[in-house]
Amino acid sequence: MAKAVASRAGALANDHALQIHGGMGFTREHPLHRWLLYGHELQSRWGSAATHQAALGRFATGEVSLVETFIP
């Protein structure tokens, strides 16, 4: 559950920061560009909120065991 919440919080923080800074956040000259790339990298490596919520759903319904769900 913590992975799903943290992933969603990171995505929301990036979205709101981009809204605040506007188009300047996309440029390489602004530090926000690095954070946006870092956020996308984390989601691609560790999974998005939807991925983690789906894993929790499979565990809750008994499709997989605890070890299969949370240990890759």
C-alpha atoms as a PDB file:
ATOM      1  CA  MET A   1       0.000   0.000   0.000  1.00  0.00           C
ATOM      2  CA  ALA A   2       2.874   2.365   0.768  1.00  0.00           C
ATOM      3  CA  LYS A   3       4.348   1.837  -2.705  1.00  0.00           C
ATOM      4  CA  ALA A   4       1.028   2.716  -4.340  1.00  0.00           C
ATOM      5  CA  VAL A   5       0.556   5.842  -2.225  1.00  0.00           C
ATOM      6  CA  ALA A   6       4.167   7.001  -2.688  1.00  0.00           C
ATOM      7  CA  SER A   7       4.011   6.471  -6.452  1.00  0.00           C
ATOM      8  CA  ARG A   8       0.781   8.438  -6.716  1.00  0.00           C
ATOM      9  CA  ALA A   9       2.142  11.214  -4.479  1.00  0.00           C
ATOM     10  CA  GLY A  10       5.257  11.555  -6.621  1.00  0.00           C
ATOM     11  CA  ALA A  11       3.209  11.761  -9.812  1.00  0.00           C
ATOM     12  CA  LEU A  12       0.904  14.372  -8.289  1.00  0.00           C
ATOM     13  CA  ALA A  13       3.853  16.437  -7.053  1.00  0.00           C
ATOM     14  CA  ASN A  14       5.377  16.418 -10.548  1.00  0.00           C
ATOM     15  CA  ASP A  15       2.060  17.339 -12.151  1.00  0.00           C
ATOM     16  CA  HIS A  16       1.444  20.233  -9.785  1.00  0.00           C
ATOM     17  CA  ALA A  17       5.014  21.510 -10.081  1.00  0.00           C
ATOM     18  CA  LEU A  18       4.690  21.500 -13.850  1.00  0.00           C
ATOM     19  CA  GLN A  19       1.396  23.382 -13.635  1.00  0.00           C
ATOM     20  CA  ILE A  20       2.997  26.014 -11.418  1.00  0.00           C
ATOM     21  CA  HIS A  21       6.079  26.507 -13.594  1.00  0.00           C
ATOM     22  CA  GLY A  22       4.314  26.172 -16.927  1.00  0.00           C
ATOM     23  CA  GLY A  23       6.322  25.555 -20.076  1.00  0.00           C
ATOM     24  CA  MET A  24       9.547  26.587 -18.368  1.00  0.00           C
ATOM     25  CA  GLY A  25       9.520  23.267 -16.477  1.00  0.00           C
ATOM     26  CA  PHE A  26      10.033  21.358 -19.721  1.00  0.00           C
ATOM     27  CA  THR A  27      13.228  23.174 -20.638  1.00  0.00           C
ATOM     28  CA  ARG A  28      16.602  21.748 -19.701  1.00  0.00           C
ATOM     29  CA  GLU A  29      17.642  25.044 -18.150  1.00  0.00           C
ATOM     30  CA  HIS A  30      15.154  24.652 -15.293  1.00  0.00           C
ATOM     31  CA  PRO A  31      15.840  22.184 -12.440  1.00  0.00           C
ATOM     32  CA  LEU A  32      12.267  20.887 -12.626  1.00  0.00           C
ATOM     33  CA  HIS A  33      13.148  19.127 -15.879  1.00  0.00           C
ATOM     34  CA  ARG A  34      15.490  16.814 -13.962  1.00  0.00           C
ATOM     35  CA  TRP A  35      12.833  16.012 -11.358  1.00  0.00           C
ATOM     36  CA  LEU A  36      10.265  15.203 -14.032  1.00  0.00           C
ATOM     37  CA  LEU A  37      12.678  12.797 -15.708  1.00  0.00           C
ATOM     38  CA  TYR A  38      13.574  11.275 -12.338  1.00  0.00           C
ATOM     39  CA  GLY A  39       9.886  10.724 -11.537  1.00  0.00           C
ATOM     40  CA  HIS A  40       9.286   8.967 -14.846  1.00  0.00           C
ATOM     41  CA  GLU A  41      12.371   6.824 -14.306  1.00  0.00           C
ATOM     42  CA  LEU A  42      11.168   5.759 -10.862  1.00  0.00           C
ATOM     43  CA  GLN A  43       7.770   4.770 -12.230  1.00  0.00           C
ATOM     44  CA  SER A  44       9.316   2.749 -15.031  1.00  0.00           C
ATOM     45  CA  ARG A  45      11.669   0.921 -12.657  1.00  0.00           C
ATOM     46  CA  TRP A  46       9.434   0.367  -9.630  1.00  0.00           C
ATOM     47  CA  GLY A  47       5.974   0.522 -11.180  1.00  0.00           C
ATOM     48  CA  SER A  48       3.160   3.013 -11.199  1.00  0.00           C
ATOM     49  CA  ALA A  49       0.420   3.356  -8.611  1.00  0.00           C
ATOM     50  CA  ALA A  50      -1.886   1.279 -10.820  1.00  0.00           C
ATOM     51  CA  THR A  51       0.667  -1.548 -10.929  1.00  0.00           C
ATOM     52  CA  HIS A  52       0.933  -1.653  -7.152  1.00  0.00           C
ATOM     53  CA  GLN A  53      -2.817  -1.443  -6.671  1.00  0.00           C
ATOM     54  CA  ALA A  54      -3.305  -4.335  -9.079  1.00  0.00           C
ATOM     55  CA  ALA A  55      -0.786  -6.405  -7.086  1.00  0.00           C
ATOM     56  CA  LEU A  56      -2.662  -5.599  -3.878  1.00  0.00           C
ATOM     57  CA  GLY A  57      -5.912  -6.633  -5.540  1.00  0.00           C
ATOM     58  CA  ARG A  58      -4.472  -9.984  -6.643  1.00  0.00           C
ATOM     59  CA  PHE A  59      -3.222 -10.586  -3.099  1.00  0.00           C
ATOM     60  CA  ALA A  60      -6.549  -9.555  -1.542  1.00  0.00           C
ATOM     61  CA  THR A  61      -8.520 -11.937  -3.748  1.00  0.00           C
ATOM     62  CA  GLY A  62      -6.172 -14.809  -3.006  1.00  0.00           C
ATOM     63  CA  GLU A  63      -4.856 -15.239  -6.536  1.00  0.00           C
ATOM     64  CA  VAL A  64      -1.227 -15.094  -5.371  1.00  0.00           C
ATOM     65  CA  SER A  65       0.600 -15.476  -2.094  1.00  0.00           C
ATOM     66  CA  LEU A  66       2.249 -12.713  -0.100  1.00  0.00           C
ATOM     67  CA  VAL A  67       5.723 -13.686  -1.304  1.00  0.00           C
ATOM     68  CA  GLU A  68       4.684 -13.735  -4.973  1.00  0.00           C
ATOM     69  CA  THR A  69       2.971 -10.357  -4.619  1.00  0.00           C
ATOM     70  CA  PHE A  70       5.604  -8.245  -2.902  1.00  0.00           C
ATOM     71  CA  ILE A  71       8.957  -9.876  -3.640  1.00  0.00           C
ATOM     72  CA  PRO A  72       9.956  -9.719  -7.321  1.00  0.00           C
END
